[in-house]
Amino acid sequence: MKFGITQTFDCSYLPRKEEQLLVYVGSHTDSATHYPQLIQAGFRRSGEQVYRPYCQQCTACHSIRLPVNDFALSRSQRRLLNKNKAFTTRTTTQTSEAYYPLYEHYITERHADGSMYPPDPVQFESFLACEWNSPLFVEAYDGDKLIAVAVTDIIDTHDHRDGFSAMYTFYDPDYHHRSLGTWMILQQIHHTRAQNRHYLYLGYQIDDCNKMNYKSRFLPHERYYNHQWHRFENAQQVSEMASRRNDLVIDLLR
């Protein structure tokens, strides 16, 4: 496999930090073949690009995944499921014209300070489009109204159905009090279990970023560093990890 390294640019998540990416370089056929292996090695997909952080002076980002058969609901997560029990979900491999207005509203209201603002249809299509991979869309409804969409990749290896990779979720900001970001992860856990898959990959956990550290509340979970997955059973382990993160030495090339 071949890889390239991007130039440094301002970090999208942490102030006064620079970001650099290690990017897989391959044909569409090779990308489709190696994608499950890359996901298992801490990579992430956005559009056609498969990447992972390659930051020389920072180790804040860790790939995180949930072993769904071991996952245990917290009390707050149980309350959330009960609160949103009237909502329904369905899965599809087809996009809908209703997606972009929902995405536009979400980015404008929730992430106007982020790199995806201002939203536009071309950006949205390039974010979703991938010639060598077809994502699954988990749609959430309040009655007949579409209120959330989770874009999810199916991860299959040559010998077993590994799991799903949750790429991105966008939702109606008017439902912010329903914690739809967390709720949609719970729905994806359900769908992963229902298909007898092992893991739900959640992208990158960043303890120092308030918008990203909610993922650590799903327990147990596993984080990828030093070339292997490390399991975290409880909140105490997560806290200890955050306190010693800066002492980790991560060789991202091996």
Foldseek 3Di string as FASTA:
>chain_A
DDWDKDDWDADQFDPPFIWIKIKDDDDLVVCLQCVLVLVQQQWADFQAIIIHTDGPQDDQKWWKKDQLVPWDDDPVRVVLCVVCVQKDKDKDLDDDPVPVVQQQQQCVVPPCVGPCPPPDPVSVCSRQHHPNFGWMWIFMDNVPHTFKIWTKGFRDHPPGRAFIEGRDMTGHVVCVVSVVVVVVVVVRSVVRVVVVHGMYTDHIAGCVGPVRPVVVVTPFMWTDFPRHTDTDHDPVVVVVCVVCVSVDDGDSPD
